[in-house]
Amino acid sequence: MRIGLVTSEIFPFSKVGGLGDVSVALAKYLPAHGLDVRVITPMYSQINLDQTDFYAVDFLQGLEVDFNGWKISYSVYTAKLPGTQTDIYFINCPQMYHRSGI
């Protein structure tokens, strides 16, 4: 089974409350039981980019979405969840996620 785990927080990258802990627990537990899990989360400006290796997803760079005349540009980066082989996909959208808080 393939699972897309979409979350606004995942420890150690982003955490405000308990959601970051629950997300990382699921991202570790499910693959250990034979499930293919991919995590999708925002790339907040507060994420420490030096804590792991981030790679641009080549075919997901410089994309644009039109929301009723409001154009939003974004790119996608990937990294492994530390200590696992679980892929995390970070949505880099400065218009939405580069702000003072999560």
Protein backbone atom coordinates (compact mmCIF):
# COMPACT_ATOMS: atom_id res chain seq x y z
CA MET A 1 0.00 0.00 0.00
CA ARG A 2 1.20 3.51 -0.81
CA ILE A 3 0.44 6.32 1.61
CA GLY A 4 0.82 10.07 1.11
CA LEU A 5 1.15 11.60 4.57
CA VAL A 6 0.37 15.31 4.18
CA THR A 7 1.17 17.27 7.32
CA SER A 8 1.86 20.85 8.34
CA GLU A 9 4.48 19.71 10.87
CA ILE A 10 7.01 16.89 11.19
CA PHE A 11 9.77 16.69 13.76
CA PRO A 12 12.72 17.49 13.55
CA PHE A 13 11.96 19.91 10.69
CA SER A 14 8.88 21.69 12.03
CA LYS A 15 7.08 21.37 15.33
CA VAL A 16 4.76 23.67 17.24
CA GLY A 17 2.71 21.14 19.17
CA GLY A 18 1.92 17.45 19.20
CA LEU A 19 1.25 17.14 15.47
CA GLY A 20 4.98 17.17 14.69
CA ASP A 21 5.47 14.23 17.05
CA VAL A 22 2.51 12.25 15.70
CA SER A 23 3.61 12.81 12.09
CA VAL A 24 7.16 11.57 12.71
CA ALA A 25 5.85 8.57 14.65
CA LEU A 26 3.59 7.58 11.73
CA ALA A 27 6.36 8.21 9.19
CA LYS A 28 8.58 5.76 11.11
CA TYR A 29 5.96 3.19 12.14
CA LEU A 30 4.18 2.61 8.82
CA PRO A 31 7.27 1.78 6.69
CA ALA A 32 8.46 -0.59 9.42
CA HIS A 33 5.25 -2.54 8.72
CA GLY A 34 5.75 -2.80 4.98
CA LEU A 35 3.93 0.32 3.80
CA ASP A 36 5.35 2.78 1.27
CA VAL A 37 5.03 6.23 2.90
CA ARG A 38 5.87 9.61 1.37
CA VAL A 39 5.56 12.69 3.57
CA ILE A 40 4.54 16.05 2.07
CA THR A 41 5.03 19.19 4.16
CA PRO A 42 5.71 22.92 3.79
CA MET A 43 9.29 24.17 3.66
CA TYR A 44 8.93 26.87 6.29
CA SER A 45 11.63 29.55 6.47
CA GLN A 46 12.36 28.37 10.04
CA ILE A 47 13.60 24.95 8.86
CA ASN A 48 17.32 24.57 9.42
CA LEU A 49 18.57 23.66 5.95
CA ASP A 50 21.93 22.58 7.39
CA GLN A 51 20.46 19.71 9.42
CA THR A 52 20.11 17.32 6.48
CA ASP A 53 20.71 17.07 2.74
CA PHE A 54 17.91 18.60 0.68
CA TYR A 55 17.69 17.89 -3.05
CA ALA A 56 15.64 19.67 -5.68
CA VAL A 57 13.13 17.44 -7.46
CA ASP A 58 14.18 18.36 -11.00
CA PHE A 59 10.79 18.20 -12.71
CA LEU A 60 9.06 20.05 -9.84
CA GLN A 61 10.92 23.36 -9.97
CA GLY A 62 9.48 26.78 -10.78
CA LEU A 63 5.89 25.59 -10.97
CA GLU A 64 2.94 27.95 -10.82
CA VAL A 65 -0.65 27.63 -9.64
CA ASP A 66 -3.37 30.14 -10.42
CA PHE A 67 -5.90 30.66 -7.62
CA ASN A 68 -8.57 32.85 -9.20
CA GLY A 69 -6.03 35.34 -10.55
CA TRP A 70 -3.53 35.02 -7.70
CA LYS A 71 -0.43 33.30 -9.06
CA ILE A 72 1.64 31.25 -6.62
CA SER A 73 5.06 29.89 -7.56
CA TYR A 74 6.56 26.87 -5.83
CA SER A 75 9.22 24.20 -6.08
CA VAL A 76 9.62 20.83 -4.40
CA TYR A 77 12.65 19.53 -2.52
CA THR A 78 13.22 16.15 -0.95
CA ALA A 79 15.16 14.76 1.99
CA LYS A 80 15.17 11.61 4.06
CA LEU A 81 13.62 11.60 7.49
CA PRO A 82 16.68 11.31 9.76
CA GLY A 83 17.38 7.73 10.78
CA THR A 84 15.01 6.28 8.15
CA GLN A 85 14.64 5.73 4.42
CA THR A 86 11.34 7.64 4.39
CA ASP A 87 11.18 10.37 1.75
CA ILE A 88 9.90 13.79 2.75
CA TYR A 89 8.81 16.22 0.05
CA PHE A 90 9.02 19.88 1.03
CA ILE A 91 6.86 22.43 -0.77
CA ASN A 92 8.98 25.58 -1.10
CA CYS A 93 6.49 28.39 -1.63
CA PRO A 94 7.90 31.65 -0.25
CA GLN A 95 4.60 33.48 -0.77
CA MET A 96 2.93 31.15 1.72
CA TYR A 97 5.59 29.70 4.03
CA HIS A 98 8.34 32.31 4.45
CA ARG A 99 6.89 34.13 7.43
CA SER A 100 7.78 34.75 11.06
CA GLY A 101 6.08 31.61 12.41
CA ILE A 102 4.78 28.24 11.41
